[in-house]
Amino acid sequence: MRGAAKQAGQPISSLAQRWEDLHGTAAQLAKIADLSPEAFDGDLAAFPNLLSNASTWQQDLAWQGIEDIDAMMRPGLAALSTITARGQDPSAPALALWREFHHARGTVLAVVQPGASEQQ
C-alpha cells in the first residue's frame, strides 16, 4: 500500500479534497461520454463524514482506492483527448472509463460505510 502508507498521517480533509477533485475530473469524463452531470450529494457528499467515522485501516484503503482511481483517470483522459484530436468519437471509450470509475468509486464508498469493519 504505497500511497496509503505514505499518506497515513495526512488529515482527513486532505483525503476529502482528493475525493472532491476526483469528482471534478469525473464530471469532465461524463461530458465526454455524453452523460448527464452527476449530482454530488448523498454518500458522495457525505464521504468526509463517513471517512472521519472510519477506522484507520478503512481510511488507508480509501486513500489507496482514490490513488488507484486517479491513476486510471489521468491516462484515460489523456487517451480520450488524443482520440478527440484525431477527429474520432471518444464517447464509447469514455463510457467504458466512466463505468470503471463508477465501479471503483463504489468500492471506495463501501470500504468506509458503517459496518464495513464488522465484515472483516
PDB file of N, CA and C in Angstrom:
ATOM      1  N   MET A   1       0.832  -1.168   0.000  1.00  0.00           N
ATOM      2  CA  MET A   1       0.000   0.000   0.000  1.00  0.00           C
ATOM      3  C   MET A   1       0.884   1.240   0.000  1.00  0.00           C
ATOM      4  N   ARG A   2       1.548   1.460  -1.072  1.00  0.00           N
ATOM      5  CA  ARG A   2       2.499   2.555  -1.166  1.00  0.00           C
ATOM      6  C   ARG A   2       1.876   3.904  -0.858  1.00  0.00           C
ATOM      7  N   GLY A   3       0.776   4.242  -1.485  1.00  0.00           N
ATOM      8  CA  GLY A   3       0.132   5.532  -1.285  1.00  0.00           C
ATOM      9  C   GLY A   3      -0.477   5.653   0.098  1.00  0.00           C
ATOM     10  N   ALA A   4      -1.110   4.602   0.564  1.00  0.00           N
ATOM     11  CA  ALA A   4      -1.768   4.640   1.865  1.00  0.00           C
ATOM     12  C   ALA A   4      -0.739   4.769   2.978  1.00  0.00           C
ATOM     13  N   ALA A   5       0.353   4.029   2.881  1.00  0.00           N
ATOM     14  CA  ALA A   5       1.385   4.102   3.906  1.00  0.00           C
ATOM     15  C   ALA A   5       1.996   5.500   3.943  1.00  0.00           C
ATOM     16  N   LYS A   6       2.221   6.078   2.795  1.00  0.00           N
ATOM     17  CA  LYS A   6       2.808   7.408   2.704  1.00  0.00           C
ATOM     18  C   LYS A   6       1.843   8.455   3.249  1.00  0.00           C
ATOM     19  N   GLN A   7       0.559   8.266   3.095  1.00  0.00           N
ATOM     20  CA  GLN A   7      -0.429   9.258   3.464  1.00  0.00           C
ATOM     21  C   GLN A   7      -1.104   8.975   4.801  1.00  0.00           C
ATOM     22  N   ALA A   8      -0.677   7.957   5.511  1.00  0.00           N
ATOM     23  CA  ALA A   8      -1.360   7.558   6.737  1.00  0.00           C
ATOM     24  C   ALA A   8      -1.487   8.698   7.738  1.00  0.00           C
ATOM     25  N   GLY A   9      -0.515   9.601   7.776  1.00  0.00           N
ATOM     26  CA  GLY A   9      -0.561  10.693   8.730  1.00  0.00           C
ATOM     27  C   GLY A   9      -1.266  11.931   8.215  1.00  0.00           C
ATOM     28  N   GLN A  10      -1.775  11.911   7.003  1.00  0.00           N
ATOM     29  CA  GLN A  10      -2.438  13.075   6.422  1.00  0.00           C
ATOM     30  C   GLN A  10      -3.808  13.283   7.061  1.00  0.00           C
ATOM     31  N   PRO A  11      -4.219  14.526   7.171  1.00  0.00           N
ATOM     32  CA  PRO A  11      -5.550  14.778   7.741  1.00  0.00           C
ATOM     33  C   PRO A  11      -6.655  14.290   6.811  1.00  0.00           C
ATOM     34  N   ILE A  12      -7.786  13.993   7.397  1.00  0.00           N
ATOM     35  CA  ILE A  12      -8.937  13.524   6.631  1.00  0.00           C
ATOM     36  C   ILE A  12      -9.354  14.564   5.603  1.00  0.00           C
ATOM     37  N   SER A  13      -9.173  15.833   5.925  1.00  0.00           N
ATOM     38  CA  SER A  13      -9.562  16.887   4.981  1.00  0.00           C
ATOM     39  C   SER A  13      -8.779  16.779   3.675  1.00  0.00           C
ATOM     40  N   SER A  14      -7.540  16.321   3.742  1.00  0.00           N
ATOM     41  CA  SER A  14      -6.732  16.138   2.536  1.00  0.00           C
ATOM     42  C   SER A  14      -7.329  15.047   1.654  1.00  0.00           C
ATOM     43  N   LEU A  15      -7.734  13.967   2.266  1.00  0.00           N
ATOM     44  CA  LEU A  15      -8.347  12.869   1.517  1.00  0.00           C
ATOM     45  C   LEU A  15      -9.711  13.283   0.973  1.00  0.00           C
ATOM     46  N   ALA A  16     -10.454  14.022   1.753  1.00  0.00           N
ATOM     47  CA  ALA A  16     -11.763  14.500   1.299  1.00  0.00           C
ATOM     48  C   ALA A  16     -11.599  15.444   0.110  1.00  0.00           C
ATOM     49  N   GLN A  17     -10.544  16.267   0.120  1.00  0.00           N
ATOM     50  CA  GLN A  17     -10.285  17.163  -1.004  1.00  0.00           C
ATOM     51  C   GLN A  17      -9.927  16.368  -2.254  1.00  0.00           C
ATOM     52  N   ARG A  18      -9.142  15.318  -2.093  1.00  0.00           N
ATOM     53  CA  ARG A  18      -8.807  14.456  -3.235  1.00  0.00           C
ATOM     54  C   ARG A  18     -10.076  13.840  -3.814  1.00  0.00           C
ATOM     55  N   TRP A  19     -10.995  13.437  -2.961  1.00  0.00           N
ATOM     56  CA  TRP A  19     -12.280  12.862  -3.371  1.00  0.00           C
ATOM     57  C   TRP A  19     -13.064  13.866  -4.219  1.00  0.00           C
ATOM     58  N   GLU A  20     -13.121  15.098  -3.716  1.00  0.00           N
ATOM     59  CA  GLU A  20     -13.849  16.140  -4.436  1.00  0.00           C
ATOM     60  C   GLU A  20     -13.172  16.458  -5.774  1.00  0.00           C
ATOM     61  N   ASP A  21     -11.855  16.548  -5.783  1.00  0.00           N
ATOM     62  CA  ASP A  21     -11.117  16.805  -7.021  1.00  0.00           C
ATOM     63  C   ASP A  21     -11.348  15.694  -8.044  1.00  0.00           C
ATOM     64  N   LEU A  22     -11.368  14.476  -7.560  1.00  0.00           N
ATOM     65  CA  LEU A  22     -11.605  13.332  -8.436  1.00  0.00           C
ATOM     66  C   LEU A  22     -12.975  13.433  -9.103  1.00  0.00           C
ATOM     67  N   HIS A  23     -13.940  13.943  -8.387  1.00  0.00           N
ATOM     68  CA  HIS A  23     -15.275  14.091  -8.968  1.00  0.00           C
ATOM     69  C   HIS A  23     -15.343  15.246  -9.966  1.00  0.00           C
ATOM     70  N   GLY A  24     -14.467  16.215  -9.810  1.00  0.00           N
ATOM     71  CA  GLY A  24     -14.345  17.245 -10.840  1.00  0.00           C
ATOM     72  C   GLY A  24     -13.835  16.644 -12.137  1.00  0.00           C
ATOM     73  N   THR A  25     -12.861  15.771 -12.018  1.00  0.00           N
ATOM     74  CA  THR A  25     -12.330  15.056 -13.175  1.00  0.00           C
ATOM     75  C   THR A  25     -13.400  14.151 -13.776  1.00  0.00           C
ATOM     76  N   ALA A  26     -14.160  13.494 -12.926  1.00  0.00           N
ATOM     77  CA  ALA A  26     -15.226  12.607 -13.400  1.00  0.00           C
ATOM     78  C   ALA A  26     -16.299  13.390 -14.150  1.00  0.00           C
ATOM     79  N   ALA A  27     -16.535  14.631 -13.745  1.00  0.00           N
ATOM     80  CA  ALA A  27     -17.513  15.462 -14.456  1.00  0.00           C
ATOM     81  C   ALA A  27     -17.046  15.728 -15.890  1.00  0.00           C
ATOM     82  N   GLN A  28     -15.751  15.932 -16.067  1.00  0.00           N
ATOM     83  CA  GLN A  28     -15.190  16.108 -17.416  1.00  0.00           C
ATOM     84  C   GLN A  28     -15.400  14.830 -18.228  1.00  0.00           C
ATOM     85  N   LEU A  29     -15.136  13.703 -17.592  1.00  0.00           N
ATOM     86  CA  LEU A  29     -15.305  12.415 -18.256  1.00  0.00           C
ATOM     87  C   LEU A  29     -16.758  12.197 -18.654  1.00  0.00           C
ATOM     88  N   ALA A  30     -17.673  12.513 -17.766  1.00  0.00           N
ATOM     89  CA  ALA A  30     -19.104  12.331 -18.065  1.00  0.00           C
ATOM     90  C   ALA A  30     -19.504  13.161 -19.280  1.00  0.00           C
ATOM     91  N   LYS A  31     -18.974  14.341 -19.368  1.00  0.00           N
ATOM     92  CA  LYS A  31     -19.284  15.210 -20.514  1.00  0.00           C
ATOM     93  C   LYS A  31     -18.789  14.570 -21.814  1.00  0.00           C
ATOM     94  N   ILE A  32     -17.586  14.035 -21.797  1.00  0.00           N
ATOM     95  CA  ILE A  32     -17.038  13.371 -22.986  1.00  0.00           C
ATOM     96  C   ILE A  32     -17.870  12.144 -23.345  1.00  0.00           C
ATOM     97  N   ALA A  33     -18.363  11.450 -22.329  1.00  0.00           N
ATOM     98  CA  ALA A  33     -19.162  10.242 -22.539  1.00  0.00           C
ATOM     99  C   ALA A  33     -20.617  10.552 -22.886  1.00  0.00           C
ATOM    100  N   ASP A  34     -20.948  11.810 -23.004  1.00  0.00           N
ATOM    101  CA  ASP A  34     -22.313  12.258 -23.294  1.00  0.00           C
ATOM    102  C   ASP A  34     -23.306  11.827 -22.218  1.00  0.00           C
ATOM    103  N   LEU A  35     -22.875  11.903 -20.973  1.00  0.00           N
ATOM    104  CA  LEU A  35     -23.737  11.588 -19.841  1.00  0.00           C
ATOM    105  C   LEU A  35     -24.179  12.872 -19.168  1.00  0.00           C
ATOM    106  N   SER A  36     -25.322  12.843 -18.538  1.00  0.00           N
ATOM    107  CA  SER A  36     -25.799  13.999 -17.781  1.00  0.00           C
ATOM    108  C   SER A  36     -24.884  14.227 -16.583  1.00  0.00           C
ATOM    109  N   PRO A  37     -24.759  15.474 -16.176  1.00  0.00           N
ATOM    110  CA  PRO A  37     -23.938  15.738 -14.985  1.00  0.00           C
ATOM    111  C   PRO A  37     -24.483  14.987 -13.779  1.00  0.00           C
ATOM    112  N   GLU A  38     -23.588  14.487 -12.974  1.00  0.00           N
ATOM    113  CA  GLU A  38     -23.969  13.723 -11.792  1.00  0.00           C
ATOM    114  C   GLU A  38     -24.030  14.650 -10.580  1.00  0.00           C
ATOM    115  N   ALA A  39     -25.059  14.525  -9.794  1.00  0.00           N
ATOM    116  CA  ALA A  39     -25.184  15.329  -8.579  1.00  0.00           C
ATOM    117  C   ALA A  39     -24.176  14.847  -7.544  1.00  0.00           C
ATOM    118  N   PHE A  40     -23.529  15.794  -6.895  1.00  0.00           N
ATOM    119  CA  PHE A  40     -22.571  15.476  -5.841  1.00  0.00           C
ATOM    120  C   PHE A  40     -23.299  15.606  -4.508  1.00  0.00           C
ATOM    121  N   ASP A  41     -24.117  14.584  -4.210  1.00  0.00           N
ATOM    122  CA  ASP A  41     -24.905  14.595  -2.982  1.00  0.00           C
ATOM    123  C   ASP A  41     -24.937  13.190  -2.392  1.00  0.00           C
ATOM    124  N   GLY A  42     -25.738  12.989  -1.391  1.00  0.00           N
ATOM    125  CA  GLY A  42     -25.842  11.675  -0.760  1.00  0.00           C
ATOM    126  C   GLY A  42     -24.511  11.205  -0.202  1.00  0.00           C
ATOM    127  N   ASP A  43     -24.190   9.934  -0.456  1.00  0.00           N
ATOM    128  CA  ASP A  43     -22.939   9.353   0.039  1.00  0.00           C
ATOM    129  C   ASP A  43     -21.716  10.034  -0.554  1.00  0.00           C
ATOM    130  N   LEU A  44     -21.842  10.548  -1.774  1.00  0.00           N
ATOM    131  CA  LEU A  44     -20.704  11.230  -2.392  1.00  0.00           C
ATOM    132  C   LEU A  44     -20.308  12.459  -1.577  1.00  0.00           C
ATOM    133  N   ALA A  45     -21.283  13.263  -1.218  1.00  0.00           N
ATOM    134  CA  ALA A  45     -21.028  14.461  -0.430  1.00  0.00           C
ATOM    135  C   ALA A  45     -20.738  14.123   1.034  1.00  0.00           C
ATOM    136  N   ALA A  46     -21.271  13.002   1.510  1.00  0.00           N
ATOM    137  CA  ALA A  46     -21.076  12.603   2.907  1.00  0.00           C
ATOM    138  C   ALA A  46     -19.749  11.887   3.134  1.00  0.00           C
ATOM    139  N   PHE A  47     -18.967  11.708   2.080  1.00  0.00           N
ATOM    140  CA  PHE A  47     -17.709  10.967   2.192  1.00  0.00           C
ATOM    141  C   PHE A  47     -16.817  11.471   3.335  1.00  0.00           C
ATOM    142  N   PRO A  48     -16.616  12.794   3.507  1.00  0.00           N
ATOM    143  CA  PRO A  48     -15.769  13.232   4.627  1.00  0.00           C
ATOM    144  C   PRO A  48     -16.289  12.773   5.991  1.00  0.00           C
ATOM    145  N   ASN A  49     -17.604  12.783   6.175  1.00  0.00           N
ATOM    146  CA  ASN A  49     -18.175  12.310   7.440  1.00  0.00           C
ATOM    147  C   ASN A  49     -17.994  10.810   7.606  1.00  0.00           C
ATOM    148  N   LEU A  50     -18.233  10.074   6.526  1.00  0.00           N
ATOM    149  CA  LEU A  50     -18.019   8.624   6.581  1.00  0.00           C
ATOM    150  C   LEU A  50     -16.568   8.320   6.912  1.00  0.00           C
ATOM    151  N   LEU A  51     -15.677   9.076   6.298  1.00  0.00           N
ATOM    152  CA  LEU A  51     -14.249   8.880   6.493  1.00  0.00           C
ATOM    153  C   LEU A  51     -13.828   9.183   7.929  1.00  0.00           C
ATOM    154  N   SER A  52     -14.369  10.248   8.497  1.00  0.00           N
ATOM    155  CA  SER A  52     -13.989  10.611   9.861  1.00  0.00           C
ATOM    156  C   SER A  52     -14.470   9.578  10.882  1.00  0.00           C
ATOM    157  N   ASN A  53     -15.514   8.837  10.539  1.00  0.00           N
ATOM    158  CA  ASN A  53     -16.015   7.791  11.435  1.00  0.00           C
ATOM    159  C   ASN A  53     -15.420   6.418  11.136  1.00  0.00           C
ATOM    160  N   ALA A  54     -14.591   6.340  10.118  1.00  0.00           N
ATOM    161  CA  ALA A  54     -13.992   5.064   9.711  1.00  0.00           C
ATOM    162  C   ALA A  54     -12.743   4.770  10.535  1.00  0.00           C
ATOM    163  N   SER A  55     -12.393   3.497  10.598  1.00  0.00           N
ATOM    164  CA  SER A  55     -11.172   3.104  11.300  1.00  0.00           C
ATOM    165  C   SER A  55      -9.959   3.453  10.437  1.00  0.00           C
ATOM    166  N   THR A  56      -8.793   3.352  11.018  1.00  0.00           N
ATOM    167  CA  THR A  56      -7.554   3.695  10.305  1.00  0.00           C
ATOM    168  C   THR A  56      -7.365   2.817   9.073  1.00  0.00           C
ATOM    169  N   TRP A  57      -7.636   1.528   9.186  1.00  0.00           N
ATOM    170  CA  TRP A  57      -7.442   0.654   8.025  1.00  0.00           C
ATOM    171  C   TRP A  57      -8.409   1.018   6.910  1.00  0.00           C
ATOM    172  N   GLN A  58      -9.623   1.437   7.275  1.00  0.00           N
ATOM    173  CA  GLN A  58     -10.589   1.854   6.259  1.00  0.00           C
ATOM    174  C   GLN A  58     -10.115   3.135   5.567  1.00  0.00           C
ATOM    175  N   GLN A  59      -9.596   4.071   6.340  1.00  0.00           N
ATOM    176  CA  GLN A  59      -9.065   5.306   5.769  1.00  0.00           C
ATOM    177  C   GLN A  59      -7.893   5.016   4.841  1.00  0.00           C
ATOM    178  N   ASP A  60      -7.025   4.096   5.251  1.00  0.00           N
ATOM    179  CA  ASP A  60      -5.884   3.725   4.408  1.00  0.00           C
ATOM    180  C   ASP A  60      -6.353   3.102   3.095  1.00  0.00           C
ATOM    181  N   LEU A  61      -7.336   2.209   3.167  1.00  0.00           N
ATOM    182  CA  LEU A  61      -7.863   1.597   1.947  1.00  0.00           C
ATOM    183  C   LEU A  61      -8.565   2.622   1.060  1.00  0.00           C
ATOM    184  N   ALA A  62      -9.264   3.558   1.681  1.00  0.00           N
ATOM    185  CA  ALA A  62      -9.923   4.608   0.903  1.00  0.00           C
ATOM    186  C   ALA A  62      -8.886   5.449   0.182  1.00  0.00           C
ATOM    187  N   TRP A  63      -7.805   5.802   0.885  1.00  0.00           N
ATOM    188  CA  TRP A  63      -6.742   6.587   0.244  1.00  0.00           C
ATOM    189  C   TRP A  63      -6.166   5.815  -0.945  1.00  0.00           C
ATOM    190  N   GLN A  64      -5.864   4.552  -0.744  1.00  0.00           N
ATOM    191  CA  GLN A  64      -5.306   3.736  -1.833  1.00  0.00           C
ATOM    192  C   GLN A  64      -6.284   3.641  -2.992  1.00  0.00           C
ATOM    193  N   GLY A  65      -7.556   3.480  -2.689  1.00  0.00           N
ATOM    194  CA  GLY A  65      -8.568   3.415  -3.745  1.00  0.00           C
ATOM    195  C   GLY A  65      -8.629   4.698  -4.552  1.00  0.00           C
ATOM    196  N   ILE A  66      -8.555   5.828  -3.872  1.00  0.00           N
ATOM    197  CA  ILE A  66      -8.576   7.116  -4.575  1.00  0.00           C
ATOM    198  C   ILE A  66      -7.316   7.275  -5.417  1.00  0.00           C
ATOM    199  N   GLU A  67      -6.181   6.860  -4.887  1.00  0.00           N
ATOM    200  CA  GLU A  67      -4.936   6.887  -5.669  1.00  0.00           C
ATOM    201  C   GLU A  67      -5.075   6.024  -6.923  1.00  0.00           C
ATOM    202  N   ASP A  68      -5.652   4.855  -6.768  1.00  0.00           N
ATOM    203  CA  ASP A  68      -5.829   3.945  -7.906  1.00  0.00           C
ATOM    204  C   ASP A  68      -6.784   4.520  -8.950  1.00  0.00           C
ATOM    205  N   ILE A  69      -7.854   5.137  -8.503  1.00  0.00           N
ATOM    206  CA  ILE A  69      -8.804   5.747  -9.437  1.00  0.00           C
ATOM    207  C   ILE A  69      -8.118   6.875 -10.199  1.00  0.00           C
ATOM    208  N   ASP A  70      -7.369   7.694  -9.480  1.00  0.00           N
ATOM    209  CA  ASP A  70      -6.655   8.794 -10.116  1.00  0.00           C
ATOM    210  C   ASP A  70      -5.652   8.259 -11.147  1.00  0.00           C
ATOM    211  N   ALA A  71      -4.977   7.167 -10.800  1.00  0.00           N
ATOM    212  CA  ALA A  71      -4.009   6.554 -11.723  1.00  0.00           C
ATOM    213  C   ALA A  71      -4.689   5.999 -12.969  1.00  0.00           C
ATOM    214  N   MET A  72      -5.937   5.669 -12.873  1.00  0.00           N
ATOM    215  CA  MET A  72      -6.707   5.188 -14.023  1.00  0.00           C
ATOM    216  C   MET A  72      -7.239   6.361 -14.848  1.00  0.00           C
ATOM    217  N   MET A  73      -7.699   7.394 -14.160  1.00  0.00           N
ATOM    218  CA  MET A  73      -8.351   8.508 -14.836  1.00  0.00           C
ATOM    219  C   MET A  73      -7.384   9.381 -15.641  1.00  0.00           C
ATOM    220  N   ARG A  74      -6.233   9.677 -15.111  1.00  0.00           N
ATOM    221  CA  ARG A  74      -5.300  10.569 -15.801  1.00  0.00           C
ATOM    222  C   ARG A  74      -4.915  10.066 -17.190  1.00  0.00           C
ATOM    223  N   PRO A  75      -4.395   8.854 -17.310  1.00  0.00           N
ATOM    224  CA  PRO A  75      -4.051   8.387 -18.664  1.00  0.00           C
ATOM    225  C   PRO A  75      -5.286   8.151 -19.530  1.00  0.00           C
ATOM    226  N   GLY A  76      -6.394   7.793 -18.892  1.00  0.00           N
ATOM    227  CA  GLY A  76      -7.629   7.595 -19.649  1.00  0.00           C
ATOM    228  C   GLY A  76      -8.101   8.885 -20.302  1.00  0.00           C
ATOM    229  N   LEU A  77      -8.083   9.978 -19.556  1.00  0.00           N
ATOM    230  CA  LEU A  77      -8.488  11.263 -20.115  1.00  0.00           C
ATOM    231  C   LEU A  77      -7.490  11.743 -21.171  1.00  0.00           C
ATOM    232  N   ALA A  78      -6.206  11.457 -20.970  1.00  0.00           N
ATOM    233  CA  ALA A  78      -5.210  11.814 -21.981  1.00  0.00           C
ATOM    234  C   ALA A  78      -5.472  11.048 -23.277  1.00  0.00           C
ATOM    235  N   ALA A  79      -5.817   9.780 -23.146  1.00  0.00           N
ATOM    236  CA  ALA A  79      -6.133   8.979 -24.338  1.00  0.00           C
ATOM    237  C   ALA A  79      -7.383   9.497 -25.032  1.00  0.00           C
ATOM    238  N   LEU A  80      -8.367   9.891 -24.263  1.00  0.00           N
ATOM    239  CA  LEU A  80      -9.591  10.439 -24.847  1.00  0.00           C
ATOM    240  C   LEU A  80      -9.310  11.762 -25.571  1.00  0.00           C
ATOM    241  N   SER A  81      -8.407  12.552 -25.038  1.00  0.00           N
ATOM    242  CA  SER A  81      -8.010  13.792 -25.715  1.00  0.00           C
ATOM    243  C   SER A  81      -7.335  13.493 -27.048  1.00  0.00           C
ATOM    244  N   THR A  82      -6.520  12.456 -27.076  1.00  0.00           N
ATOM    245  CA  THR A  82      -5.856  12.057 -28.311  1.00  0.00           C
ATOM    246  C   THR A  82      -6.881  11.588 -29.345  1.00  0.00           C
ATOM    247  N   ILE A  83      -7.838  10.799 -28.900  1.00  0.00           N
ATOM    248  CA  ILE A  83      -8.896  10.321 -29.800  1.00  0.00           C
ATOM    249  C   ILE A  83      -9.660  11.510 -30.389  1.00  0.00           C
ATOM    250  N   THR A  84      -9.985  12.464 -29.530  1.00  0.00           N
ATOM    251  CA  THR A  84     -10.715  13.656 -29.978  1.00  0.00           C
ATOM    252  C   THR A  84      -9.870  14.460 -30.965  1.00  0.00           C
ATOM    253  N   ALA A  85      -8.592  14.617 -30.671  1.00  0.00           N
ATOM    254  CA  ALA A  85      -7.693  15.373 -31.549  1.00  0.00           C
ATOM    255  C   ALA A  85      -7.575  14.722 -32.926  1.00  0.00           C
ATOM    256  N   ARG A  86      -7.759  13.434 -32.998  1.00  0.00           N
ATOM    257  CA  ARG A  86      -7.706  12.713 -34.277  1.00  0.00           C
ATOM    258  C   ARG A  86      -9.026  12.796 -35.038  1.00  0.00           C
ATOM    259  N   GLY A  87     -10.002  13.460 -34.438  1.00  0.00           N
ATOM    260  CA  GLY A  87     -11.289  13.605 -35.090  1.00  0.00           C
ATOM    261  C   GLY A  87     -12.200  12.402 -34.938  1.00  0.00           C
ATOM    262  N   GLN A  88     -11.863  11.524 -34.002  1.00  0.00           N
ATOM    263  CA  GLN A  88     -12.672  10.334 -33.775  1.00  0.00           C
ATOM    264  C   GLN A  88     -13.644  10.579 -32.618  1.00  0.00           C
ATOM    265  N   ASP A  89     -14.669   9.780 -32.548  1.00  0.00           N
ATOM    266  CA  ASP A  89     -15.675   9.899 -31.491  1.00  0.00           C
ATOM    267  C   ASP A  89     -15.181   9.214 -30.216  1.00  0.00           C
ATOM    268  N   PRO A  90     -14.992   9.965 -29.131  1.00  0.00           N
ATOM    269  CA  PRO A  90     -14.478   9.372 -27.892  1.00  0.00           C
ATOM    270  C   PRO A  90     -15.573   8.841 -26.957  1.00  0.00           C
ATOM    271  N   SER A  91     -16.830   8.913 -27.353  1.00  0.00           N
ATOM    272  CA  SER A  91     -17.905   8.599 -26.405  1.00  0.00           C
ATOM    273  C   SER A  91     -17.892   7.140 -25.929  1.00  0.00           C
ATOM    274  N   ALA A  92     -17.640   6.191 -26.805  1.00  0.00           N
ATOM    275  CA  ALA A  92     -17.649   4.781 -26.371  1.00  0.00           C
ATOM    276  C   ALA A  92     -16.521   4.478 -25.381  1.00  0.00           C
ATOM    277  N   PRO A  93     -15.262   4.849 -25.671  1.00  0.00           N
ATOM    278  CA  PRO A  93     -14.230   4.589 -24.659  1.00  0.00           C
ATOM    279  C   PRO A  93     -14.422   5.440 -23.398  1.00  0.00           C
ATOM    280  N   ALA A  94     -14.994   6.630 -23.544  1.00  0.00           N
ATOM    281  CA  ALA A  94     -15.269   7.453 -22.362  1.00  0.00           C
ATOM    282  C   ALA A  94     -16.314   6.775 -21.478  1.00  0.00           C
ATOM    283  N   LEU A  95     -17.311   6.171 -22.091  1.00  0.00           N
ATOM    284  CA  LEU A  95     -18.328   5.465 -21.326  1.00  0.00           C
ATOM    285  C   LEU A  95     -17.717   4.257 -20.607  1.00  0.00           C
ATOM    286  N   ALA A  96     -16.804   3.564 -21.270  1.00  0.00           N
ATOM    287  CA  ALA A  96     -16.127   2.427 -20.624  1.00  0.00           C
ATOM    288  C   ALA A  96     -15.309   2.905 -19.424  1.00  0.00           C
ATOM    289  N   LEU A  97     -14.601   4.010 -19.579  1.00  0.00           N
ATOM    290  CA  LEU A  97     -13.820   4.556 -18.466  1.00  0.00           C
ATOM    291  C   LEU A  97     -14.750   5.022 -17.350  1.00  0.00           C
ATOM    292  N   TRP A  98     -15.878   5.620 -17.708  1.00  0.00           N
ATOM    293  CA  TRP A  98     -16.855   6.048 -16.706  1.00  0.00           C
ATOM    294  C   TRP A  98     -17.335   4.852 -15.882  1.00  0.00           C
ATOM    295  N   ARG A  99     -17.612   3.761 -16.557  1.00  0.00           N
ATOM    296  CA  ARG A  99     -18.080   2.564 -15.840  1.00  0.00           C
ATOM    297  C   ARG A  99     -17.021   2.054 -14.869  1.00  0.00           C
ATOM    298  N   GLU A 100     -15.767   2.066 -15.302  1.00  0.00           N
ATOM    299  CA  GLU A 100     -14.672   1.653 -14.411  1.00  0.00           C
ATOM    300  C   GLU A 100     -14.569   2.595 -13.213  1.00  0.00           C
ATOM    301  N   PHE A 101     -14.667   3.883 -13.479  1.00  0.00           N
ATOM    302  CA  PHE A 101     -14.642   4.872 -12.402  1.00  0.00           C
ATOM    303  C   PHE A 101     -15.782   4.622 -11.426  1.00  0.00           C
ATOM    304  N   HIS A 102     -16.963   4.453 -11.963  1.00  0.00           N
ATOM    305  CA  HIS A 102     -18.157   4.269 -11.140  1.00  0.00           C
ATOM    306  C   HIS A 102     -18.013   3.033 -10.246  1.00  0.00           C
ATOM    307  N   HIS A 103     -17.522   1.962 -10.802  1.00  0.00           N
ATOM    308  CA  HIS A 103     -17.320   0.728 -10.028  1.00  0.00           C
ATOM    309  C   HIS A 103     -16.264   0.933  -8.934  1.00  0.00           C
ATOM    310  N   ALA A 104     -15.140   1.528  -9.299  1.00  0.00           N
ATOM    311  CA  ALA A 104     -14.065   1.746  -8.326  1.00  0.00           C
ATOM    312  C   ALA A 104     -14.518   2.690  -7.215  1.00  0.00           C
ATOM    313  N   ARG A 105     -15.262   3.721  -7.584  1.00  0.00           N
ATOM    314  CA  ARG A 105     -15.766   4.664  -6.595  1.00  0.00           C
ATOM    315  C   ARG A 105     -16.720   3.960  -5.627  1.00  0.00           C
ATOM    316  N   GLY A 106     -17.544   3.092  -6.145  1.00  0.00           N
ATOM    317  CA  GLY A 106     -18.450   2.331  -5.289  1.00  0.00           C
ATOM    318  C   GLY A 106     -17.707   1.470  -4.281  1.00  0.00           C
ATOM    319  N   THR A 107     -16.590   0.940  -4.705  1.00  0.00           N
ATOM    320  CA  THR A 107     -15.774   0.130  -3.814  1.00  0.00           C
ATOM    321  C   THR A 107     -15.188   0.981  -2.696  1.00  0.00           C
ATOM    322  N   VAL A 108     -14.697   2.166  -3.037  1.00  0.00           N
ATOM    323  CA  VAL A 108     -14.153   3.067  -2.016  1.00  0.00           C
ATOM    324  C   VAL A 108     -15.249   3.453  -1.023  1.00  0.00           C
ATOM    325  N   LEU A 109     -16.418   3.767  -1.521  1.00  0.00           N
ATOM    326  CA  LEU A 109     -17.528   4.106  -0.624  1.00  0.00           C
ATOM    327  C   LEU A 109     -17.893   2.931   0.288  1.00  0.00           C
ATOM    328  N   ALA A 110     -17.879   1.739  -0.255  1.00  0.00           N
ATOM    329  CA  ALA A 110     -18.229   0.552   0.537  1.00  0.00           C
ATOM    330  C   ALA A 110     -17.244   0.339   1.674  1.00  0.00           C
ATOM    331  N   VAL A 111     -15.984   0.662   1.442  1.00  0.00           N
ATOM    332  CA  VAL A 111     -14.956   0.472   2.462  1.00  0.00           C
ATOM    333  C   VAL A 111     -15.194   1.352   3.680  1.00  0.00           C
ATOM    334  N   VAL A 112     -15.706   2.548   3.482  1.00  0.00           N
ATOM    335  CA  VAL A 112     -15.889   3.475   4.612  1.00  0.00           C
ATOM    336  C   VAL A 112     -17.309   3.496   5.169  1.00  0.00           C
ATOM    337  N   GLN A 113     -18.182   2.690   4.638  1.00  0.00           N
ATOM    338  CA  GLN A 113     -19.556   2.628   5.144  1.00  0.00           C
ATOM    339  C   GLN A 113     -19.570   2.052   6.550  1.00  0.00           C
ATOM    340  N   PRO A 114     -20.480   2.550   7.383  1.00  0.00           N
ATOM    341  CA  PRO A 114     -20.599   1.955   8.719  1.00  0.00           C
ATOM    342  C   PRO A 114     -20.891   0.463   8.596  1.00  0.00           C
ATOM    343  N   GLY A 115     -20.244  -0.307   9.412  1.00  0.00           N
ATOM    344  CA  GLY A 115     -20.431  -1.742   9.375  1.00  0.00           C
ATOM    345  C   GLY A 115     -19.419  -2.463   8.511  1.00  0.00           C
ATOM    346  N   ALA A 116     -18.636  -1.734   7.710  1.00  0.00           N
ATOM    347  CA  ALA A 116     -17.640  -2.387   6.861  1.00  0.00           C
ATOM    348  C   ALA A 116     -16.587  -3.089   7.708  1.00  0.00           C
ATOM    349  N   SER A 117     -16.250  -2.517   8.856  1.00  0.00           N
ATOM    350  CA  SER A 117     -15.237  -3.132   9.713  1.00  0.00           C
ATOM    351  C   SER A 117     -15.759  -4.426  10.328  1.00  0.00           C
ATOM    352  N   GLU A 118     -17.062  -4.543  10.469  1.00  0.00           N
ATOM    353  CA  GLU A 118     -17.647  -5.763  11.033  1.00  0.00           C
ATOM    354  C   GLU A 118     -17.604  -6.910  10.040  1.00  0.00           C
ATOM    355  N   GLN A 119     -17.434  -6.585   8.741  1.00  0.00           N
ATOM    356  CA  GLN A 119     -17.420  -7.611   7.712  1.00  0.00           C
ATOM    357  C   GLN A 119     -16.037  -8.238   7.552  1.00  0.00           C
ATOM    358  N   GLN A 120     -15.045  -7.713   8.246  1.00  0.00           N
ATOM    359  CA  GLN A 120     -13.680  -8.225   8.120  1.00  0.00           C
ATOM    360  C   GLN A 120     -13.453  -9.396   9.032  1.00  0.00           C
TER     361      GLN A 120
END
